[in-house]
Amino acid sequence: MKAMMLTGISQMEMKDIPEPKVIKSNDVKIKMSVLGICGSDIHYYTSGQIGSQKVKYPFAVGHEGAGVVVETGPKVTRVKPGDVIAVDPAMPCWKCDQCRVGRHHTCRNLRFLGCPGQAEGCLMEYIVMPEESCYPLAGKLTADHGSISEPLAIGVYAVRKSGDIKGLNIGIFGFGPIGMSVMLAAKAQKAANIYVTDKIDPRLAIASKEKAAGTFNTLKENISEKIKQQENLGLDIVFECCGQQEAFDQAIEVLKPGGKLVVVGIPEFNRWSMAVDDTRRKEISLQFIRRQVGCVEDSLEMMKSGIINVDNMITHRFPFDRTKEAFDLVAGYHDGVMKAMIYF
């Protein structure tokens, strides 16, 4: 089968590799239909690592996937051949202390698609996943929805971890696919005014379409001044979704006393810093987000019911053999890209 593999920094090649086989009783073999390019895929593409996780070449990334079931192990009951499914990239052990208390996203033995040292990604024609990672798509849900359910689940989880958000004024700093997922989830939970920042005007235009109360380009405007002009008491919650120290600092500035900073973005550096005076005097709460837990099914249901509409998220589509072109587009933030998708 064909697989698109990273072969060096900002390099990838199409390679022929053996087709995976159903071995375990709960295995599900999937013919890939679509893959969404994630920011973490781009980190591995452009720098070869995220923190301590370093790529050993050649390696296939990709974890936002959906496809068609072609074969199952004898004990699989959730899906059957012919089903179109969303793929949850996480493969926890279900046995460690974290899994036993419902924190399988921080499983001690977690294997995650496209994560170096854990599992090859799904930038290939076929993959095999455990039954627990497979979610049938019903009703009006398409393979696109299945792929989007992965980043959307992170947004849903981040909003849930922030507490009861109904009626609160919030900020979303960094409006890529994760920032947009947070916004869609916050709207579904009846947040009041939502203020969005980014460095790319076409992304801010999408935020305006989604009824943001205010959108601000961090390269052109003083974010703190602009937000305080509209919310003079400050914001209740800010979601940092771009992994940038500048956004972290701006969040501290605009949060009201007792406010909460929810860090969702993945930085390329190793340490955050914070202003002691502001964080202490305001008694700011700090919440870090690690992927998601238990939100894939809910995300699919919210899209199916129409509570969440992701039509504005997908901006670019590429065939499998043009994957490198798609990665270069996303890595360079070209052409107002929000979410680029690969079709097999």
Protein backbone atom coordinates (compact mmCIF):
# COMPACT_ATOMS: atom_id res chain seq x y z
CA MET A 1 0.00 0.00 0.00
CA LYS A 2 0.98 3.63 -0.31
CA ALA A 3 2.07 5.72 2.68
CA MET A 4 3.24 9.33 2.78
CA MET A 5 6.25 9.36 5.09
CA LEU A 6 8.31 12.14 6.64
CA THR A 7 11.90 11.65 5.45
CA GLY A 8 13.57 14.76 6.89
CA ILE A 9 12.86 18.32 7.98
CA SER A 10 10.13 19.63 5.65
CA GLN A 11 10.57 16.56 3.48
CA MET A 12 8.19 13.69 2.70
CA GLU A 13 7.92 10.93 0.12
CA MET A 14 5.30 8.43 -1.00
CA LYS A 15 6.52 4.93 -0.13
CA ASP A 16 5.28 1.38 -0.58
CA ILE A 17 4.90 -0.40 2.75
CA PRO A 18 3.21 -3.67 3.81
CA GLU A 19 -0.55 -3.53 4.27
CA PRO A 20 -1.53 -4.01 7.94
CA LYS A 21 -3.39 -7.16 8.98
CA VAL A 22 -6.13 -7.94 11.47
CA ILE A 23 -4.40 -9.91 14.21
CA LYS A 24 -6.18 -9.26 17.51
CA SER A 25 -9.79 -10.19 18.17
CA ASN A 26 -10.77 -6.52 18.60
CA ASP A 27 -8.86 -5.23 15.55
CA VAL A 28 -10.61 -3.16 12.89
CA LYS A 29 -9.01 -2.66 9.47
CA ILE A 30 -9.90 0.68 7.91
CA LYS A 31 -9.50 1.98 4.37
CA MET A 32 -8.72 5.66 4.88
CA SER A 33 -11.04 8.18 3.25
CA VAL A 34 -9.93 11.56 4.58
CA LEU A 35 -7.35 13.08 6.90
CA GLY A 36 -7.24 16.55 8.45
CA ILE A 37 -3.82 18.18 8.86
CA CYS A 38 -3.20 19.16 12.49
CA GLY A 39 -0.79 21.72 13.89
CA SER A 40 1.10 18.94 15.67
CA ASP A 41 1.64 17.21 12.31
CA ILE A 42 3.20 20.46 11.11
CA HIS A 43 5.49 20.63 14.16
CA TYR A 44 6.85 17.18 13.30
CA TYR A 45 7.13 18.18 9.62
CA THR A 46 9.01 21.45 10.15
CA SER A 47 11.08 20.70 13.27
CA GLY A 48 11.09 16.92 13.64
CA GLN A 49 9.85 16.93 17.22
CA ILE A 50 7.45 18.18 19.87
CA GLY A 51 9.26 18.41 23.18
CA SER A 52 10.83 15.03 23.93
CA GLN A 53 8.99 13.26 21.11
CA LYS A 54 11.41 13.13 18.18
CA VAL A 55 10.78 11.67 14.75
CA LYS A 56 12.89 8.73 13.56
CA TYR A 57 12.72 8.81 9.77
CA PRO A 58 10.91 7.59 7.80
CA PHE A 59 7.70 8.16 9.75
CA ALA A 60 4.04 8.76 8.92
CA VAL A 61 2.15 11.43 10.85
CA GLY A 62 -1.60 12.12 10.80
CA HIS A 63 -4.29 11.43 13.37
CA GLU A 64 -7.47 13.28 12.32
CA GLY A 65 -8.94 10.51 10.22
CA ALA A 66 -12.06 8.80 8.95
CA GLY A 67 -12.54 5.83 6.67
CA VAL A 68 -14.45 2.67 5.74
CA VAL A 69 -14.27 -0.60 7.68
CA VAL A 70 -13.00 -3.42 5.45
CA GLU A 71 -12.37 -6.20 7.98
CA THR A 72 -12.85 -6.89 11.69
CA GLY A 73 -11.60 -9.30 14.32
CA PRO A 74 -13.99 -11.99 15.63
CA LYS A 75 -14.99 -10.12 18.81
CA VAL A 76 -15.77 -6.74 17.21
CA THR A 77 -19.43 -5.70 17.58
CA ARG A 78 -19.36 -1.88 17.40
CA VAL A 79 -18.67 -1.67 13.64
CA LYS A 80 -18.90 -3.93 10.60
CA PRO A 81 -17.40 -3.98 7.08
CA GLY A 82 -18.83 -1.16 4.98
CA ASP A 83 -19.37 1.22 7.89
CA VAL A 84 -18.00 4.74 7.52
CA ILE A 85 -16.32 5.60 10.81
CA ALA A 86 -14.49 8.32 12.70
CA VAL A 87 -11.14 7.23 14.13
CA ASP A 88 -10.15 8.27 17.64
CA PRO A 89 -6.32 8.24 17.40
CA ALA A 90 -5.83 7.36 21.08
CA MET A 91 -5.17 3.73 22.02
CA PRO A 92 -5.04 3.53 25.84
CA CYS A 93 -4.21 0.37 27.76
CA TRP A 94 -7.42 0.58 29.89
CA LYS A 95 -5.53 -1.00 32.81
CA CYS A 96 -3.22 1.60 34.40
CA ASP A 97 -4.10 3.92 37.30
CA GLN A 98 -5.00 6.75 34.89
CA CYS A 99 -7.31 4.59 32.79
CA ARG A 100 -9.00 3.15 35.86
CA VAL A 101 -10.05 6.63 37.03
CA GLY A 102 -11.31 7.68 33.60
CA ARG A 103 -8.20 9.59 32.50
CA HIS A 104 -7.33 7.43 29.53
CA HIS A 105 -6.01 10.51 27.70
CA THR A 106 -3.10 10.48 30.17
CA CYS A 107 -2.74 6.68 30.07
CA ARG A 108 0.68 5.54 31.26
CA ASN A 109 0.97 3.25 28.23
CA LEU A 110 -0.87 5.34 25.64
CA ARG A 111 -0.29 4.75 21.95
CA PHE A 112 -1.40 7.61 19.70
CA LEU A 113 -1.53 7.71 15.92
CA GLY A 114 1.27 9.75 14.37
CA CYS A 115 3.16 10.15 17.65
CA PRO A 116 6.88 9.20 17.46
CA GLY A 117 7.70 6.19 19.58
CA GLN A 118 4.03 5.21 19.86
CA ALA A 119 2.34 4.51 16.52
CA GLU A 120 2.64 5.38 12.84
CA GLY A 121 0.01 7.89 11.72
CA CYS A 122 -2.81 7.43 9.25
CA LEU A 123 -1.24 9.12 6.22
CA MET A 124 -1.53 5.75 4.51
CA GLU A 125 -4.16 3.81 2.60
CA TYR A 126 -5.02 1.32 5.36
CA ILE A 127 -4.70 1.28 9.14
CA VAL A 128 -5.70 -1.15 11.89
CA MET A 129 -7.21 0.22 15.10
CA PRO A 130 -8.80 -1.30 18.20
CA GLU A 131 -12.60 -1.39 18.19
CA GLU A 132 -12.74 1.15 21.04
CA SER A 133 -11.22 3.80 18.74
CA CYS A 134 -13.90 3.40 16.05
CA TYR A 135 -17.10 5.47 15.95
CA PRO A 136 -19.78 4.78 13.29
CA LEU A 137 -21.04 7.86 11.45
CA ALA A 138 -24.82 8.02 11.33
CA GLY A 139 -27.44 10.31 9.81
CA LYS A 140 -26.05 13.27 7.87
CA LEU A 141 -22.52 12.77 9.18
CA THR A 142 -19.86 12.33 6.49
CA ALA A 143 -16.23 11.27 6.57
CA ASP A 144 -15.35 14.99 6.77
CA HIS A 145 -17.34 15.22 10.02
CA GLY A 146 -15.57 12.11 11.27
CA SER A 147 -12.17 13.67 10.67
CA ILE A 148 -13.19 17.01 12.21
CA SER A 149 -14.52 15.25 15.31
CA GLU A 150 -10.93 14.83 16.58
CA PRO A 151 -10.01 18.54 16.89
CA LEU A 152 -13.60 19.42 17.76
CA ALA A 153 -13.49 16.99 20.69
CA ILE A 154 -10.49 18.91 22.05
CA GLY A 155 -12.51 22.14 21.90
CA VAL A 156 -15.46 20.50 23.63
CA TYR A 157 -13.19 19.10 26.32
CA ALA A 158 -11.38 22.42 26.87
CA VAL A 159 -14.69 24.23 27.35
CA ARG A 160 -15.89 21.57 29.79
CA LYS A 161 -12.69 21.84 31.83
CA SER A 162 -13.15 25.61 32.04
CA GLY A 163 -16.34 25.14 34.09
CA ASP A 164 -19.84 26.54 33.56
CA ILE A 165 -19.30 28.97 30.71
CA LYS A 166 -22.90 30.06 30.18
CA GLY A 167 -23.22 33.85 30.14
CA LEU A 168 -19.49 34.47 30.54
CA ASN A 169 -17.31 36.74 28.41
CA ILE A 170 -14.37 34.84 26.96
CA GLY A 171 -11.34 35.26 24.76
CA ILE A 172 -9.88 32.83 22.25
CA PHE A 173 -6.28 33.75 21.48
CA GLY A 174 -5.19 31.93 18.32
CA PHE A 175 -7.90 31.05 15.82
CA GLY A 176 -6.66 27.99 14.01
CA PRO A 177 -8.76 24.80 13.92
CA ILE A 178 -8.41 24.26 17.69
CA GLY A 179 -9.34 27.87 18.45
CA MET A 180 -12.34 27.53 16.16
CA SER A 181 -13.29 24.23 17.83
CA VAL A 182 -13.21 26.00 21.20
CA MET A 183 -15.40 28.78 19.82
CA LEU A 184 -17.98 26.35 18.42
CA ALA A 185 -18.08 24.47 21.71
CA ALA A 186 -18.35 27.71 23.71
CA LYS A 187 -21.23 28.91 21.55
CA ALA A 188 -22.98 25.58 22.09
CA GLN A 189 -22.63 26.12 25.85
CA LYS A 190 -24.12 29.64 25.61
CA ALA A 191 -21.05 31.75 26.32
CA ALA A 192 -21.90 35.47 26.11
CA ASN A 193 -19.37 37.60 24.21
CA ILE A 194 -16.48 35.86 22.48
CA TYR A 195 -13.37 37.85 21.49
CA VAL A 196 -10.93 36.31 19.03
CA THR A 197 -7.33 37.16 18.17
CA ASP A 198 -5.05 35.90 15.43
CA LYS A 199 -2.36 37.11 13.02
CA ILE A 200 -4.22 36.04 9.86
CA ASP A 201 -7.07 38.24 8.64
CA PRO A 202 -8.92 35.49 6.69
CA ARG A 203 -9.12 33.46 9.89
CA LEU A 204 -10.50 36.46 11.74
CA ALA A 205 -13.05 36.80 8.94
CA ILE A 206 -14.20 33.26 9.72
CA ALA A 207 -14.51 34.21 13.39
CA SER A 208 -16.71 37.15 12.35
CA LYS A 209 -18.91 34.76 10.35
CA GLU A 210 -19.23 32.71 13.53
CA LYS A 211 -20.55 35.83 15.32
CA ALA A 212 -17.53 36.76 17.42
CA ALA A 213 -18.17 39.90 19.48
CA GLY A 214 -14.79 41.26 18.39
CA THR A 215 -11.85 40.10 16.28
CA PHE A 216 -8.35 41.57 16.54
CA ASN A 217 -5.14 41.09 14.57
CA THR A 218 -2.26 40.89 17.02
CA LEU A 219 0.17 42.26 14.43
CA LYS A 220 -1.84 45.44 13.95
CA GLU A 221 -3.62 46.21 17.23
CA ASN A 222 -3.03 46.46 20.97
CA ILE A 223 -5.09 43.49 22.09
CA SER A 224 -5.37 44.48 25.74
CA GLU A 225 -6.56 48.00 24.94
CA LYS A 226 -9.05 46.82 22.32
CA ILE A 227 -10.65 44.20 24.54
CA LYS A 228 -10.78 46.44 27.60
CA GLN A 229 -12.54 49.10 25.54
CA GLN A 230 -15.41 46.65 25.14
CA GLU A 231 -15.09 44.74 28.44
CA ASN A 232 -13.68 47.25 30.91
CA LEU A 233 -13.87 44.80 33.83
CA GLY A 234 -11.93 42.16 31.89
CA LEU A 235 -12.74 38.69 30.60
CA ASP A 236 -13.88 35.71 32.65
CA ILE A 237 -11.92 33.09 30.72
CA VAL A 238 -9.25 33.15 28.03
CA PHE A 239 -8.38 30.08 25.97
CA GLU A 240 -4.78 30.21 24.73
CA CYS A 241 -4.92 28.19 21.50
CA CYS A 242 -1.75 29.06 19.59
CA GLY A 243 1.11 28.07 21.90
CA GLN A 244 2.64 31.57 21.92
CA GLN A 245 4.13 33.36 24.94
CA GLU A 246 2.75 36.65 23.63
CA ALA A 247 -0.81 35.28 23.71
CA PHE A 248 -0.23 33.90 27.22
CA ASP A 249 0.89 37.35 28.42
CA GLN A 250 -2.03 39.11 26.73
CA ALA A 251 -4.44 36.69 28.38
CA ILE A 252 -3.12 37.58 31.84
CA GLU A 253 -3.55 41.28 31.02
CA VAL A 254 -7.20 41.04 29.95
CA LEU A 255 -8.46 38.54 32.55
CA LYS A 256 -10.49 39.97 35.42
CA PRO A 257 -9.60 39.14 39.04
CA GLY A 258 -10.59 35.54 39.68
CA GLY A 259 -10.42 34.79 35.95
CA LYS A 260 -9.16 31.59 34.37
CA LEU A 261 -6.54 30.97 31.71
CA VAL A 262 -7.05 27.69 29.82
CA VAL A 263 -3.92 26.67 27.89
CA VAL A 264 -4.80 24.51 24.90
CA GLY A 265 -2.04 25.45 22.44
CA ILE A 266 1.14 23.39 21.99
CA PRO A 267 4.24 25.63 22.11
CA GLU A 268 7.49 24.90 20.30
CA PHE A 269 9.49 26.07 23.35
CA ASN A 270 10.01 24.23 26.64
CA ARG A 271 8.94 26.73 29.31
CA TRP A 272 6.10 29.21 29.82
CA SER A 273 6.77 32.34 31.87
CA MET A 274 4.25 34.55 33.65
CA ALA A 275 4.07 37.89 35.40
CA VAL A 276 4.01 37.11 39.12
CA ASP A 277 2.39 40.40 40.16
CA ASP A 278 -0.61 40.16 37.83
CA THR A 279 -1.25 36.46 38.27
CA ARG A 280 -0.95 36.67 42.08
CA ARG A 281 -2.92 39.86 42.65
CA LYS A 282 -5.69 38.78 40.29
CA GLU A 283 -5.67 35.23 41.70
CA ILE A 284 -5.69 33.79 38.19
CA SER A 285 -6.52 30.11 37.80
CA LEU A 286 -4.47 28.16 35.29
CA GLN A 287 -5.76 25.04 33.51
CA PHE A 288 -3.72 23.04 31.02
CA ILE A 289 -5.44 20.82 28.46
CA ARG A 290 -4.11 17.47 27.27
CA ARG A 291 -6.01 16.39 24.17
CA GLN A 292 -9.47 15.18 25.26
CA VAL A 293 -11.24 12.43 27.09
CA GLY A 294 -14.72 11.09 26.38
CA CYS A 295 -15.74 13.85 23.96
CA VAL A 296 -15.56 12.24 20.49
CA GLU A 297 -19.05 10.75 20.65
CA ASP A 298 -20.50 13.99 22.02
CA SER A 299 -18.79 16.00 19.27
CA LEU A 300 -20.27 13.74 16.61
CA GLU A 301 -23.70 14.03 18.19
CA MET A 302 -23.50 17.84 18.33
CA MET A 303 -22.62 17.95 14.64
CA LYS A 304 -25.34 15.44 13.80
CA SER A 305 -28.00 17.42 15.70
CA GLY A 306 -26.89 20.77 14.26
CA ILE A 307 -25.89 22.26 17.62
CA ILE A 308 -22.43 22.68 16.10
CA ASN A 309 -21.88 23.51 12.42
CA VAL A 310 -18.34 23.04 11.09
CA ASP A 311 -19.02 24.18 7.51
CA ASN A 312 -16.68 27.18 7.84
CA MET A 313 -13.73 25.14 9.09
CA ILE A 314 -12.55 23.26 5.98
CA THR A 315 -10.91 25.72 3.59
CA HIS A 316 -8.63 23.55 1.43
CA ARG A 317 -8.81 20.04 -0.05
CA PHE A 318 -5.97 17.98 -1.60
CA PRO A 319 -5.63 14.50 -3.10
CA PHE A 320 -3.31 12.06 -1.34
CA ASP A 321 -0.48 12.49 -3.87
CA ARG A 322 -0.37 16.26 -3.16
CA THR A 323 0.09 15.87 0.59
CA LYS A 324 3.42 17.72 0.67
CA GLU A 325 1.83 20.69 -1.09
CA ALA A 326 -0.88 20.70 1.59
CA PHE A 327 1.67 20.53 4.42
CA ASP A 328 3.66 23.40 2.94
CA LEU A 329 0.48 25.46 2.65
CA VAL A 330 -0.46 24.89 6.29
CA ALA A 331 3.12 25.32 7.56
CA GLY A 332 3.37 28.70 5.82
CA TYR A 333 -0.15 29.83 6.77
CA HIS A 334 -0.74 30.55 3.08
CA ASP A 335 -3.98 31.44 1.31
CA GLY A 336 -5.92 32.02 4.54
CA VAL A 337 -5.87 28.32 5.36
CA MET A 338 -7.92 27.17 8.35
CA LYS A 339 -8.20 23.39 7.91
CA ALA A 340 -6.65 21.51 4.99
CA MET A 341 -7.88 18.00 4.24
CA ILE A 342 -6.26 15.09 2.42
CA TYR A 343 -8.48 12.71 0.38
CA PHE A 344 -7.30 9.18 -0.37
